[in-house]
C-alpha atoms as a PDB file:
ATOM      1  CA  MET A   1     137.658 113.011  35.407  1.00  0.00           C
ATOM      2  CA  THR A   2     138.967 109.463  35.567  1.00  0.00           C
ATOM      3  CA  SER A   3     139.480 107.167  32.595  1.00  0.00           C
ATOM      4  CA  THR A   4     136.525 105.060  33.724  1.00  0.00           C
ATOM      5  CA  GLU A   5     134.254 108.105  33.736  1.00  0.00           C
ATOM      6  CA  LYS A   6     135.496 109.176  30.303  1.00  0.00           C
ATOM      7  CA  ILE A   7     134.789 105.700  28.902  1.00  0.00           C
ATOM      8  CA  ALA A   8     131.306 105.659  30.452  1.00  0.00           C
ATOM      9  CA  ASN A   9     130.516 109.078  28.949  1.00  0.00           C
ATOM     10  CA  ALA A  10     131.824 108.000  25.541  1.00  0.00           C
ATOM     11  CA  LYS A  11     129.617 104.886  25.625  1.00  0.00           C
ATOM     12  CA  LYS A  12     126.596 107.048  26.466  1.00  0.00           C
ATOM     13  CA  ARG A  13     127.340 109.351  23.513  1.00  0.00           C
ATOM     14  CA  ILE A  14     127.794 106.372  21.193  1.00  0.00           C
ATOM     15  CA  ASN A  15     124.436 104.935  22.284  1.00  0.00           C
ATOM     16  CA  GLU A  16     122.740 108.304  21.738  1.00  0.00           C
ATOM     17  CA  LEU A  17     124.263 108.599  18.257  1.00  0.00           C
ATOM     18  CA  GLU A  18     123.198 105.067  17.334  1.00  0.00           C
ATOM     19  CA  ARG A  19     119.613 105.880  18.389  1.00  0.00           C
ATOM     20  CA  LEU A  20     119.672 109.069  16.308  1.00  0.00           C
ATOM     21  CA  ILE A  21     120.994 107.200  13.270  1.00  0.00           C
ATOM     22  CA  LYS A  22     118.207 104.622  13.561  1.00  0.00           C
ATOM     23  CA  CYS A  23     115.648 107.402  13.898  1.00  0.00           C
ATOM     24  CA  TRP A  24     117.028 109.244  10.851  1.00  0.00           C
ATOM     25  CA  ASP A  25     117.119 106.035   8.809  1.00  0.00           C
ATOM     26  CA  THR A  26     113.476 105.236   9.484  1.00  0.00           C
ATOM     27  CA  SER A  27     112.312 108.814   8.923  1.00  0.00           C
ATOM     28  CA  GLU A  28     114.257 108.981   5.648  1.00  0.00           C
ATOM     29  CA  GLU A  29     112.630 105.766   4.426  1.00  0.00           C
ATOM     30  CA  LYS A  30     109.195 107.172   5.248  1.00  0.00           C
ATOM     31  CA  ASN A  31     109.971 110.424   3.433  1.00  0.00           C
ATOM     32  CA  ILE A  32     111.243 108.604   0.357  1.00  0.00           C
ATOM     33  CA  ASN A  33     108.029 106.610   0.201  1.00  0.00           C
ATOM     34  CA  LYS A  34     105.894 109.756   0.563  1.00  0.00           C
ATOM     35  CA  ILE A  35     107.750 112.177  -1.705  1.00  0.00           C
ATOM     36  CA  ASP A  36     108.435 111.582  -5.371  1.00  0.00           C
ATOM     37  CA  PHE A  37     111.230 113.888  -6.461  1.00  0.00           C
ATOM     38  CA  GLU A  38     113.799 114.093  -9.233  1.00  0.00           C
ATOM     39  CA  VAL A  39     117.492 114.103  -8.474  1.00  0.00           C
ATOM     40  CA  ASN A  40     119.868 116.030 -10.679  1.00  0.00           C
ATOM     41  CA  ASN A  41     123.077 114.008 -10.913  1.00  0.00           C
ATOM     42  CA  GLU A  42     124.987 116.547 -12.986  1.00  0.00           C
ATOM     43  CA  LYS A  43     128.184 117.757 -11.401  1.00  0.00           C
ATOM     44  CA  VAL A  44     128.139 121.441 -10.539  1.00  0.00           C
ATOM     45  CA  ALA A  45     131.339 123.482 -10.355  1.00  0.00           C
ATOM     46  CA  ALA A  46     131.974 124.995  -6.969  1.00  0.00           C
END
Protein backbone atom coordinates (compact mmCIF):
# COMPACT_ATOMS: atom_id res chain seq x y z
CA MET A 1 0.00 0.00 0.00
CA THR A 2 1.45 3.34 -1.02
CA SER A 3 1.62 6.43 1.18
CA THR A 4 -1.06 8.08 -0.96
CA GLU A 5 -3.42 5.16 -0.40
CA LYS A 6 -2.73 5.18 3.35
CA ILE A 7 -3.50 8.91 3.52
CA ALA A 8 -6.71 8.46 1.53
CA ASN A 9 -7.84 5.64 3.85
CA ALA A 10 -7.00 7.71 6.94
CA LYS A 11 -9.05 10.63 5.60
CA LYS A 12 -12.00 8.30 5.01
CA ARG A 13 -11.77 7.00 8.59
CA ILE A 14 -11.55 10.54 9.95
CA ASN A 15 -14.66 11.56 7.99
CA GLU A 16 -16.54 8.50 9.26
CA LEU A 17 -15.54 9.27 12.86
CA GLU A 18 -16.60 12.91 12.52
CA ARG A 19 -20.02 11.79 11.23
CA LEU A 20 -20.38 9.38 14.16
CA ILE A 21 -19.44 12.09 16.66
CA LYS A 22 -22.06 14.44 15.20
CA CYS A 23 -24.64 11.67 15.33
CA TRP A 24 -23.79 10.84 18.96
CA ASP A 25 -23.87 14.51 19.94
CA THR A 26 -27.34 15.04 18.52
CA SER A 27 -28.71 11.79 19.95
CA GLU A 28 -27.27 12.63 23.38
CA GLU A 29 -28.93 16.06 23.33
CA LYS A 30 -32.26 14.44 22.46
CA ASN A 31 -31.88 11.89 25.26
CA ILE A 32 -30.99 14.57 27.80
CA ASN A 33 -34.12 16.49 26.88
CA LYS A 34 -36.30 13.37 27.16
CA ILE A 35 -34.88 11.75 30.30
CA ASP A 36 -34.70 13.43 33.68
CA PHE A 37 -32.18 11.58 35.81
CA GLU A 38 -30.05 12.24 38.86
CA VAL A 39 -26.29 12.03 38.70
CA ASN A 40 -24.33 10.87 41.71
CA ASN A 41 -21.11 12.89 41.80
CA GLU A 42 -19.62 11.11 44.80
CA LYS A 43 -16.28 9.50 44.14
CA VAL A 44 -16.34 5.73 44.42
CA ALA A 45 -13.22 3.75 45.33
CA ALA A 46 -12.16 1.29 42.69
